[in-house]
Amino acid sequence: MNFLTYLTSIRMEQAKKLLLTTSLSITEISERSGYKDYRVFTKVFKKSEGITPSQYRRDFLQ
């Protein structure tokens, strides 16, 4: 595993935790996860998890 892959996995774990344990907006979560642009965050999240951050929150909080 290279550094960028490792860093992305750490950021995604942080984002998933925040999505499920806070009511922060996607923009705030992206910033707290190390992404300045929420669009980039959403793209990376979808590539990593297969669904968007909003879908992840909705699916796992029901």
Protein backbone atom coordinates (compact mmCIF):
# COMPACT_ATOMS: atom_id res chain seq x y z
CA MET A 1 0.00 0.00 0.00
CA ASN A 2 1.44 3.36 -0.96
CA PHE A 3 1.22 6.50 1.15
CA LEU A 4 -1.63 8.14 -0.76
CA THR A 5 -3.77 5.00 -0.55
CA TYR A 6 -3.09 4.78 3.18
CA LEU A 7 -3.89 8.47 3.73
CA THR A 8 -7.13 8.15 1.76
CA SER A 9 -8.21 5.13 3.81
CA ILE A 10 -7.58 7.02 7.06
CA ARG A 11 -9.54 10.01 5.77
CA MET A 12 -12.46 7.82 4.68
CA GLU A 13 -12.63 6.10 8.07
CA GLN A 14 -12.72 9.52 9.75
CA ALA A 15 -15.42 10.71 7.35
CA LYS A 16 -17.57 7.60 7.93
CA LYS A 17 -17.29 8.07 11.68
CA LEU A 18 -18.35 11.71 11.41
CA LEU A 19 -21.22 10.88 9.06
CA LEU A 20 -22.69 8.44 11.56
CA THR A 21 -21.98 10.25 14.83
CA THR A 22 -22.60 13.93 14.02
CA SER A 23 -25.08 16.09 12.19
CA LEU A 24 -22.34 18.06 10.45
CA SER A 25 -22.88 18.97 6.80
CA ILE A 26 -21.02 17.10 4.08
CA THR A 27 -18.93 20.24 3.51
CA GLU A 28 -17.88 20.35 7.18
CA ILE A 29 -17.10 16.64 7.19
CA SER A 30 -15.02 16.97 4.05
CA GLU A 31 -12.99 19.77 5.65
CA ARG A 32 -12.49 17.80 8.87
CA SER A 33 -11.38 14.83 6.81
CA GLY A 34 -8.69 16.80 5.02
CA TYR A 35 -10.46 17.87 1.83
CA LYS A 36 -10.85 21.56 1.06
CA ASP A 37 -13.31 20.95 -1.79
CA TYR A 38 -16.38 18.91 -0.89
CA ARG A 39 -16.80 17.88 -4.55
CA VAL A 40 -13.39 16.17 -4.51
CA PHE A 41 -14.30 14.58 -1.17
CA THR A 42 -17.58 13.25 -2.57
CA LYS A 43 -15.83 11.84 -5.63
CA VAL A 44 -13.14 10.09 -3.54
CA PHE A 45 -15.74 8.83 -1.05
CA LYS A 46 -17.89 7.35 -3.82
CA LYS A 47 -14.88 5.68 -5.42
CA SER A 48 -13.87 4.22 -2.05
CA GLU A 49 -17.27 3.19 -0.67
CA GLY A 50 -19.41 2.81 -3.78
CA ILE A 51 -22.01 5.34 -2.59
CA THR A 52 -22.05 9.06 -1.88
CA PRO A 53 -21.56 10.40 1.66
CA SER A 54 -25.24 11.41 1.81
CA GLN A 55 -26.36 7.91 0.80
CA TYR A 56 -23.95 6.38 3.34
CA ARG A 57 -25.41 8.49 6.14
CA ARG A 58 -28.99 7.79 5.07
CA ASP A 59 -28.47 4.01 4.64
CA PHE A 60 -26.63 3.42 7.89
CA LEU A 61 -28.74 5.66 10.15
CA GLN A 62 -32.04 3.99 9.25
